Amino acid sequence: MAKASIKKSPGTSVDIKSSKNQIEELNLLLSDLHLFYMNSRGFHWNIKGEKFFELHLKFEEYFTDALIKIDEVAERILTLGGNPVHSFSQILEKTQIKEFKNVSDGKVALHYVFDGLNQLLSVEKKILIKSSETGDEGTNALMSDYIRYHEKQAWMIKAYLG
């Protein structure tokens, strides 16, 4: 009796059905990262007050990191055989991160960043569980790195805000 073969995503050891599920979740993360990037960039531009210099640099760190992650997640989606969301309408449709405009108060902005980090962590942990279950080591490694970084940043904001 012949053994049924499972179709794999090109260039990976992940079956196509699992890849489709991962692609959907990764596109949610990609959308959240886009809004996190935009919010952090806006906070960087608009921040005012006593802590301007340190927060201006910190928000730049956040949006620079998000930009790198946006590219990595999009490339992972492509590796799995999918299409990364890239239009603004698709991003707004999928994201769970709220858009913020003209925030200049540092503490308010940090609370919003903290909330954004927690949303990113929620999606990343969900993806990590699925990637572990399906043997998707590429996605698994990426999510582990993101979770470690985002957990540390959330802890640092919490400590900063007291």
N, C-alpha and C. Protein backbone atom coordinates (compact mmCIF):
# COMPACT_ATOMS: atom_id res chain seq x y z
N MET A 1 0.85 -1.17 0.00
CA MET A 1 0.00 0.00 0.00
C MET A 1 0.90 1.24 0.00
N ALA A 2 0.64 2.15 -0.89
CA ALA A 2 1.46 3.36 -1.02
C ALA A 2 1.11 4.34 0.08
N LYS A 3 2.15 4.97 0.58
CA LYS A 3 1.98 5.97 1.63
C LYS A 3 1.61 7.31 1.00
N ALA A 4 0.55 7.94 1.50
CA ALA A 4 0.12 9.24 0.97
C ALA A 4 1.16 10.29 1.32
N SER A 5 1.52 11.09 0.35
CA SER A 5 2.50 12.15 0.62
C SER A 5 1.77 13.44 0.97
N ILE A 6 2.37 14.15 1.88
CA ILE A 6 1.83 15.45 2.30
C ILE A 6 2.56 16.52 1.50
N LYS A 7 1.80 17.41 0.89
CA LYS A 7 2.41 18.49 0.11
C LYS A 7 3.03 19.51 1.05
N LYS A 8 4.26 19.87 0.75
CA LYS A 8 5.01 20.83 1.56
C LYS A 8 5.08 22.18 0.85
N SER A 9 5.14 23.24 1.65
CA SER A 9 5.38 24.56 1.08
C SER A 9 6.77 24.56 0.48
N PRO A 10 6.94 25.17 -0.69
CA PRO A 10 8.25 25.18 -1.34
C PRO A 10 9.34 25.72 -0.42
N GLY A 11 10.44 25.00 -0.33
CA GLY A 11 11.58 25.45 0.45
C GLY A 11 11.44 25.29 1.95
N THR A 12 10.37 24.64 2.42
CA THR A 12 10.19 24.44 3.86
C THR A 12 9.80 23.00 4.12
N SER A 13 9.77 22.64 5.39
CA SER A 13 9.32 21.31 5.78
C SER A 13 7.89 21.37 6.34
N VAL A 14 7.18 22.45 6.05
CA VAL A 14 5.85 22.68 6.59
C VAL A 14 4.81 22.29 5.54
N ASP A 15 3.78 21.51 5.95
CA ASP A 15 2.77 21.13 4.98
C ASP A 15 1.93 22.36 4.59
N ILE A 16 1.36 22.30 3.41
CA ILE A 16 0.66 23.46 2.84
C ILE A 16 -0.51 23.91 3.70
N LYS A 17 -1.29 22.97 4.25
CA LYS A 17 -2.43 23.34 5.08
C LYS A 17 -1.96 24.12 6.31
N SER A 18 -0.91 23.65 6.96
CA SER A 18 -0.37 24.38 8.12
C SER A 18 0.18 25.73 7.70
N SER A 19 0.80 25.78 6.53
CA SER A 19 1.34 27.05 6.03
C SER A 19 0.25 28.08 5.85
N LYS A 20 -0.89 27.66 5.32
CA LYS A 20 -1.99 28.60 5.09
C LYS A 20 -2.46 29.21 6.41
N ASN A 21 -2.56 28.38 7.44
CA ASN A 21 -2.94 28.90 8.76
C ASN A 21 -1.88 29.85 9.31
N GLN A 22 -0.62 29.48 9.15
CA GLN A 22 0.47 30.34 9.62
C GLN A 22 0.49 31.66 8.86
N ILE A 23 0.25 31.60 7.58
CA ILE A 23 0.25 32.81 6.75
C ILE A 23 -0.82 33.78 7.25
N GLU A 24 -2.01 33.27 7.54
CA GLU A 24 -3.08 34.12 8.06
C GLU A 24 -2.67 34.79 9.36
N GLU A 25 -2.11 34.02 10.27
CA GLU A 25 -1.67 34.58 11.57
C GLU A 25 -0.52 35.56 11.38
N LEU A 26 0.41 35.22 10.51
CA LEU A 26 1.55 36.12 10.26
C LEU A 26 1.08 37.43 9.63
N ASN A 27 0.05 37.38 8.80
CA ASN A 27 -0.49 38.61 8.23
C ASN A 27 -1.16 39.48 9.29
N LEU A 28 -1.76 38.86 10.30
CA LEU A 28 -2.29 39.63 11.43
C LEU A 28 -1.15 40.33 12.16
N LEU A 29 -0.08 39.59 12.42
CA LEU A 29 1.09 40.17 13.08
C LEU A 29 1.69 41.28 12.22
N LEU A 30 1.78 41.05 10.94
CA LEU A 30 2.33 42.05 10.02
C LEU A 30 1.51 43.35 10.09
N SER A 31 0.20 43.21 10.12
CA SER A 31 -0.67 44.39 10.22
C SER A 31 -0.47 45.12 11.54
N ASP A 32 -0.38 44.37 12.62
CA ASP A 32 -0.14 44.98 13.94
C ASP A 32 1.22 45.68 13.97
N LEU A 33 2.22 45.06 13.37
CA LEU A 33 3.55 45.69 13.34
C LEU A 33 3.52 47.01 12.55
N HIS A 34 2.76 47.04 11.48
CA HIS A 34 2.64 48.28 10.70
C HIS A 34 2.05 49.41 11.56
N LEU A 35 0.98 49.12 12.30
CA LEU A 35 0.37 50.17 13.13
C LEU A 35 1.27 50.54 14.29
N PHE A 36 1.95 49.55 14.86
CA PHE A 36 2.91 49.83 15.94
C PHE A 36 4.01 50.76 15.41
N TYR A 37 4.50 50.47 14.22
CA TYR A 37 5.51 51.31 13.58
C TYR A 37 4.99 52.74 13.40
N MET A 38 3.80 52.88 12.84
CA MET A 38 3.25 54.20 12.56
C MET A 38 3.03 54.99 13.85
N ASN A 39 2.49 54.33 14.87
CA ASN A 39 2.28 55.02 16.14
C ASN A 39 3.61 55.45 16.76
N SER A 40 4.58 54.55 16.78
CA SER A 40 5.89 54.88 17.37
C SER A 40 6.56 56.02 16.62
N ARG A 41 6.42 56.02 15.32
CA ARG A 41 7.00 57.08 14.49
C ARG A 41 6.33 58.42 14.83
N GLY A 42 5.02 58.40 14.98
CA GLY A 42 4.29 59.62 15.36
C GLY A 42 4.68 60.12 16.74
N PHE A 43 4.85 59.19 17.69
CA PHE A 43 5.28 59.59 19.04
C PHE A 43 6.67 60.22 18.97
N HIS A 44 7.54 59.63 18.17
CA HIS A 44 8.91 60.15 17.99
C HIS A 44 8.87 61.59 17.47
N TRP A 45 8.02 61.86 16.52
CA TRP A 45 7.94 63.19 15.93
C TRP A 45 7.29 64.20 16.86
N ASN A 46 6.28 63.78 17.61
CA ASN A 46 5.43 64.73 18.34
C ASN A 46 5.72 64.87 19.82
N ILE A 47 6.63 64.07 20.35
CA ILE A 47 6.88 64.09 21.79
C ILE A 47 7.39 65.47 22.23
N LYS A 48 6.94 65.91 23.40
CA LYS A 48 7.37 67.19 23.96
C LYS A 48 7.59 67.01 25.46
N GLY A 49 8.29 67.94 26.04
CA GLY A 49 8.41 67.94 27.49
C GLY A 49 9.77 67.58 28.01
N GLU A 50 9.79 67.43 29.31
CA GLU A 50 11.03 67.24 30.07
C GLU A 50 11.85 66.02 29.62
N LYS A 51 11.21 64.96 29.25
CA LYS A 51 11.90 63.72 28.86
C LYS A 51 12.05 63.59 27.34
N PHE A 52 11.96 64.72 26.64
CA PHE A 52 11.99 64.70 25.18
C PHE A 52 13.17 63.91 24.63
N PHE A 53 14.38 64.22 25.07
CA PHE A 53 15.56 63.62 24.46
C PHE A 53 15.58 62.10 24.60
N GLU A 54 15.32 61.59 25.79
CA GLU A 54 15.36 60.14 25.97
C GLU A 54 14.18 59.44 25.29
N LEU A 55 12.99 60.04 25.34
CA LEU A 55 11.83 59.40 24.71
C LEU A 55 11.88 59.49 23.19
N HIS A 56 12.39 60.60 22.67
CA HIS A 56 12.57 60.75 21.23
C HIS A 56 13.42 59.60 20.69
N LEU A 57 14.52 59.30 21.38
CA LEU A 57 15.40 58.20 20.98
C LEU A 57 14.74 56.84 21.18
N LYS A 58 14.02 56.68 22.27
CA LYS A 58 13.37 55.39 22.55
C LYS A 58 12.31 55.08 21.50
N PHE A 59 11.50 56.07 21.14
CA PHE A 59 10.49 55.84 20.11
C PHE A 59 11.14 55.52 18.76
N GLU A 60 12.28 56.13 18.49
CA GLU A 60 13.03 55.80 17.27
C GLU A 60 13.48 54.34 17.30
N GLU A 61 13.93 53.89 18.46
CA GLU A 61 14.32 52.48 18.62
C GLU A 61 13.13 51.57 18.31
N TYR A 62 11.95 51.92 18.82
CA TYR A 62 10.76 51.10 18.60
C TYR A 62 10.38 51.04 17.12
N PHE A 63 10.35 52.20 16.45
CA PHE A 63 9.91 52.15 15.06
C PHE A 63 10.96 51.53 14.16
N THR A 64 12.23 51.69 14.48
CA THR A 64 13.28 51.06 13.69
C THR A 64 13.20 49.54 13.82
N ASP A 65 13.01 49.06 15.04
CA ASP A 65 12.87 47.63 15.26
C ASP A 65 11.62 47.08 14.56
N ALA A 66 10.51 47.80 14.64
CA ALA A 66 9.27 47.36 13.98
C ALA A 66 9.47 47.27 12.47
N LEU A 67 10.19 48.21 11.90
CA LEU A 67 10.44 48.20 10.46
C LEU A 67 11.21 46.95 10.04
N ILE A 68 12.20 46.57 10.83
CA ILE A 68 12.96 45.35 10.55
C ILE A 68 12.05 44.13 10.65
N LYS A 69 11.23 44.09 11.69
CA LYS A 69 10.32 42.96 11.88
C LYS A 69 9.26 42.89 10.77
N ILE A 70 8.79 44.02 10.29
CA ILE A 70 7.84 44.04 9.18
C ILE A 70 8.43 43.31 7.98
N ASP A 71 9.67 43.61 7.65
CA ASP A 71 10.32 42.97 6.52
C ASP A 71 10.52 41.48 6.77
N GLU A 72 10.95 41.11 7.97
CA GLU A 72 11.18 39.70 8.28
C GLU A 72 9.89 38.88 8.22
N VAL A 73 8.81 39.44 8.76
CA VAL A 73 7.53 38.72 8.75
C VAL A 73 7.02 38.59 7.32
N ALA A 74 7.11 39.66 6.54
CA ALA A 74 6.67 39.60 5.13
C ALA A 74 7.47 38.54 4.37
N GLU A 75 8.77 38.49 4.60
CA GLU A 75 9.59 37.49 3.92
C GLU A 75 9.28 36.08 4.39
N ARG A 76 8.92 35.92 5.66
CA ARG A 76 8.52 34.59 6.16
C ARG A 76 7.23 34.16 5.49
N ILE A 77 6.29 35.08 5.33
CA ILE A 77 5.03 34.78 4.64
C ILE A 77 5.32 34.32 3.21
N LEU A 78 6.21 35.01 2.53
CA LEU A 78 6.59 34.63 1.17
C LEU A 78 7.26 33.26 1.15
N THR A 79 8.11 32.99 2.13
CA THR A 79 8.79 31.70 2.23
C THR A 79 7.78 30.56 2.38
N LEU A 80 6.70 30.83 3.10
CA LEU A 80 5.67 29.82 3.31
C LEU A 80 4.70 29.72 2.12
N GLY A 81 4.91 30.55 1.10
CA GLY A 81 4.10 30.47 -0.10
C GLY A 81 2.91 31.43 -0.11
N GLY A 82 2.90 32.39 0.80
CA GLY A 82 1.78 33.32 0.88
C GLY A 82 2.10 34.69 0.33
N ASN A 83 1.13 35.57 0.49
CA ASN A 83 1.27 36.96 0.06
C ASN A 83 1.10 37.86 1.28
N PRO A 84 2.13 38.64 1.60
CA PRO A 84 2.01 39.55 2.74
C PRO A 84 1.06 40.71 2.45
N VAL A 85 0.24 41.06 3.44
CA VAL A 85 -0.61 42.24 3.28
C VAL A 85 0.30 43.46 3.15
N HIS A 86 -0.09 44.38 2.28
CA HIS A 86 0.76 45.55 2.08
C HIS A 86 -0.04 46.81 1.78
N SER A 87 -1.32 46.68 1.54
CA SER A 87 -2.10 47.89 1.31
C SER A 87 -2.62 48.41 2.65
N PHE A 88 -2.79 49.70 2.71
CA PHE A 88 -3.25 50.32 3.94
C PHE A 88 -4.62 49.80 4.35
N SER A 89 -5.50 49.57 3.37
CA SER A 89 -6.84 49.07 3.70
C SER A 89 -6.77 47.66 4.29
N GLN A 90 -5.89 46.80 3.76
CA GLN A 90 -5.73 45.45 4.31
C GLN A 90 -5.19 45.52 5.74
N ILE A 91 -4.22 46.39 5.94
CA ILE A 91 -3.61 46.53 7.26
C ILE A 91 -4.64 46.99 8.28
N LEU A 92 -5.41 48.01 7.93
CA LEU A 92 -6.43 48.52 8.85
C LEU A 92 -7.53 47.48 9.12
N GLU A 93 -7.83 46.67 8.13
CA GLU A 93 -8.85 45.63 8.29
C GLU A 93 -8.41 44.55 9.29
N LYS A 94 -7.11 44.24 9.31
CA LYS A 94 -6.61 43.13 10.11
C LYS A 94 -6.06 43.53 11.48
N THR A 95 -5.55 44.73 11.62
CA THR A 95 -4.84 45.09 12.85
C THR A 95 -5.76 45.16 14.07
N GLN A 96 -5.19 44.84 15.21
CA GLN A 96 -5.88 44.99 16.50
C GLN A 96 -5.29 46.15 17.30
N ILE A 97 -4.31 46.83 16.74
CA ILE A 97 -3.68 47.97 17.40
C ILE A 97 -4.41 49.24 16.95
N LYS A 98 -4.73 50.06 17.92
CA LYS A 98 -5.45 51.31 17.63
C LYS A 98 -4.47 52.35 17.09
N GLU A 99 -4.96 53.13 16.16
CA GLU A 99 -4.19 54.23 15.59
C GLU A 99 -4.27 55.45 16.53
N PHE A 100 -3.14 56.11 16.75
CA PHE A 100 -3.11 57.30 17.59
C PHE A 100 -2.57 58.47 16.80
N LYS A 101 -3.16 59.64 17.05
CA LYS A 101 -2.78 60.85 16.31
C LYS A 101 -2.34 61.93 17.28
N ASN A 102 -1.26 62.61 16.93
CA ASN A 102 -0.81 63.82 17.62
C ASN A 102 -0.64 63.67 19.13
N VAL A 103 -0.09 62.55 19.57
CA VAL A 103 0.19 62.35 20.99
C VAL A 103 1.55 62.97 21.29
N SER A 104 1.57 63.90 22.25
CA SER A 104 2.84 64.57 22.58
C SER A 104 3.25 64.34 24.03
N ASP A 105 2.38 63.79 24.85
CA ASP A 105 2.69 63.51 26.25
C ASP A 105 3.41 62.16 26.34
N GLY A 106 4.61 62.17 26.92
CA GLY A 106 5.44 60.98 26.99
C GLY A 106 4.81 59.81 27.72
N LYS A 107 4.19 60.08 28.87
CA LYS A 107 3.58 58.99 29.63
C LYS A 107 2.40 58.38 28.89
N VAL A 108 1.61 59.21 28.27
CA VAL A 108 0.48 58.71 27.49
C VAL A 108 0.99 57.84 26.34
N ALA A 109 2.00 58.33 25.63
CA ALA A 109 2.57 57.58 24.51
C ALA A 109 3.13 56.24 24.99
N LEU A 110 3.81 56.23 26.12
CA LEU A 110 4.37 54.98 26.63
C LEU A 110 3.29 53.99 27.02
N HIS A 111 2.19 54.47 27.54
CA HIS A 111 1.06 53.57 27.83
C HIS A 111 0.55 52.94 26.53
N TYR A 112 0.47 53.73 25.47
CA TYR A 112 0.02 53.21 24.19
C TYR A 112 1.03 52.20 23.62
N VAL A 113 2.31 52.49 23.76
CA VAL A 113 3.34 51.55 23.31
C VAL A 113 3.23 50.25 24.10
N PHE A 114 3.05 50.36 25.42
CA PHE A 114 2.90 49.19 26.28
C PHE A 114 1.72 48.33 25.80
N ASP A 115 0.59 48.96 25.53
CA ASP A 115 -0.58 48.23 25.03
C ASP A 115 -0.27 47.57 23.68
N GLY A 116 0.44 48.29 22.82
CA GLY A 116 0.81 47.74 21.52
C GLY A 116 1.72 46.54 21.65
N LEU A 117 2.69 46.64 22.56
CA LEU A 117 3.60 45.50 22.80
C LEU A 117 2.82 44.28 23.28
N ASN A 118 1.86 44.50 24.15
CA ASN A 118 1.06 43.38 24.64
C ASN A 118 0.22 42.75 23.53
N GLN A 119 -0.28 43.56 22.61
CA GLN A 119 -1.01 43.00 21.46
C GLN A 119 -0.06 42.18 20.58
N LEU A 120 1.11 42.74 20.30
CA LEU A 120 2.10 41.99 19.50
C LEU A 120 2.44 40.67 20.18
N LEU A 121 2.66 40.70 21.49
CA LEU A 121 2.99 39.49 22.24
C LEU A 121 1.88 38.45 22.15
N SER A 122 0.66 38.90 22.22
CA SER A 122 -0.48 37.98 22.15
C SER A 122 -0.48 37.23 20.82
N VAL A 123 -0.29 37.93 19.73
CA VAL A 123 -0.27 37.30 18.41
C VAL A 123 0.96 36.43 18.25
N GLU A 124 2.11 36.92 18.69
CA GLU A 124 3.36 36.16 18.56
C GLU A 124 3.28 34.84 19.32
N LYS A 125 2.70 34.86 20.52
CA LYS A 125 2.59 33.63 21.31
C LYS A 125 1.66 32.63 20.65
N LYS A 126 0.59 33.12 20.06
CA LYS A 126 -0.34 32.26 19.33
C LYS A 126 0.36 31.61 18.14
N ILE A 127 1.12 32.41 17.41
CA ILE A 127 1.87 31.89 16.26
C ILE A 127 2.91 30.88 16.72
N LEU A 128 3.59 31.17 17.82
CA LEU A 128 4.62 30.26 18.34
C LEU A 128 4.03 28.90 18.68
N ILE A 129 2.88 28.89 19.31
CA ILE A 129 2.23 27.61 19.66
C ILE A 129 1.94 26.81 18.39
N LYS A 130 1.36 27.47 17.40
CA LYS A 130 1.03 26.77 16.15
C LYS A 130 2.28 26.32 15.40
N SER A 131 3.30 27.17 15.38
CA SER A 131 4.51 26.79 14.65
C SER A 131 5.21 25.62 15.35
N SER A 132 5.12 25.55 16.66
CA SER A 132 5.70 24.42 17.40
C SER A 132 4.95 23.14 17.07
N GLU A 133 3.63 23.23 17.03
CA GLU A 133 2.79 22.06 16.75
C GLU A 133 3.00 21.51 15.34
N THR A 134 3.30 22.39 14.39
CA THR A 134 3.42 21.97 12.99
C THR A 134 4.86 21.75 12.55
N GLY A 135 5.81 21.95 13.43
CA GLY A 135 7.21 21.75 13.07
C GLY A 135 7.77 22.85 12.18
N ASP A 136 7.19 24.03 12.25
CA ASP A 136 7.63 25.17 11.45
C ASP A 136 8.74 25.90 12.21
N GLU A 137 9.94 25.37 12.11
CA GLU A 137 11.07 25.89 12.89
C GLU A 137 11.46 27.31 12.51
N GLY A 138 11.32 27.68 11.25
CA GLY A 138 11.66 29.04 10.83
C GLY A 138 10.79 30.07 11.52
N THR A 139 9.49 29.84 11.51
CA THR A 139 8.55 30.75 12.18
C THR A 139 8.74 30.68 13.69
N ASN A 140 8.96 29.48 14.18
CA ASN A 140 9.16 29.27 15.62
C ASN A 140 10.34 30.11 16.13
N ALA A 141 11.46 30.05 15.44
CA ALA A 141 12.65 30.80 15.86
C ALA A 141 12.40 32.30 15.83
N LEU A 142 11.71 32.76 14.78
CA LEU A 142 11.40 34.18 14.65
C LEU A 142 10.54 34.65 15.82
N MET A 143 9.48 33.90 16.12
CA MET A 143 8.56 34.30 17.19
C MET A 143 9.25 34.26 18.55
N SER A 144 10.09 33.28 18.78
CA SER A 144 10.82 33.22 20.06
C SER A 144 11.67 34.47 20.27
N ASP A 145 12.35 34.89 19.21
CA ASP A 145 13.16 36.11 19.29
C ASP A 145 12.30 37.34 19.54
N TYR A 146 11.17 37.44 18.83
CA TYR A 146 10.29 38.59 18.99
C TYR A 146 9.69 38.65 20.39
N ILE A 147 9.27 37.51 20.89
CA ILE A 147 8.67 37.46 22.22
C ILE A 147 9.68 37.90 23.27
N ARG A 148 10.88 37.41 23.18
CA ARG A 148 11.92 37.79 24.15
C ARG A 148 12.14 39.31 24.13
N TYR A 149 12.24 39.90 22.95
CA TYR A 149 12.46 41.34 22.83
C TYR A 149 11.26 42.13 23.34
N HIS A 150 10.07 41.77 22.91
CA HIS A 150 8.87 42.52 23.29
C HIS A 150 8.55 42.40 24.78
N GLU A 151 8.78 41.23 25.36
CA GLU A 151 8.59 41.08 26.80
C GLU A 151 9.53 42.00 27.58
N LYS A 152 10.78 42.07 27.13
CA LYS A 152 11.74 42.94 27.80
C LYS A 152 11.34 44.41 27.67
N GLN A 153 10.91 44.81 26.49
CA GLN A 153 10.51 46.20 26.29
C GLN A 153 9.28 46.55 27.15
N ALA A 154 8.32 45.64 27.25
CA ALA A 154 7.13 45.87 28.08
C ALA A 154 7.54 46.00 29.54
N TRP A 155 8.43 45.15 29.99
CA TRP A 155 8.92 45.22 31.38
C TRP A 155 9.62 46.56 31.63
N MET A 156 10.43 47.01 30.68
CA MET A 156 11.17 48.27 30.85
C MET A 156 10.20 49.46 30.91
N ILE A 157 9.16 49.46 30.08
CA ILE A 157 8.18 50.55 30.12
C ILE A 157 7.46 50.54 31.45
N LYS A 158 7.07 49.37 31.90
CA LYS A 158 6.36 49.25 33.19
C LYS A 158 7.24 49.79 34.32
N ALA A 159 8.53 49.45 34.29
CA ALA A 159 9.47 49.94 35.31
C ALA A 159 9.63 51.47 35.21
N TYR A 160 9.70 51.98 34.00
CA TYR A 160 9.88 53.41 33.76
C TYR A 160 8.68 54.22 34.29
N LEU A 161 7.49 53.68 34.04
CA LEU A 161 6.26 54.37 34.46
C LEU A 161 5.99 54.21 35.96
N GLY A 162 6.67 53.26 36.59
CA GLY A 162 6.49 53.04 38.02
C GLY A 162 5.31 52.21 38.26
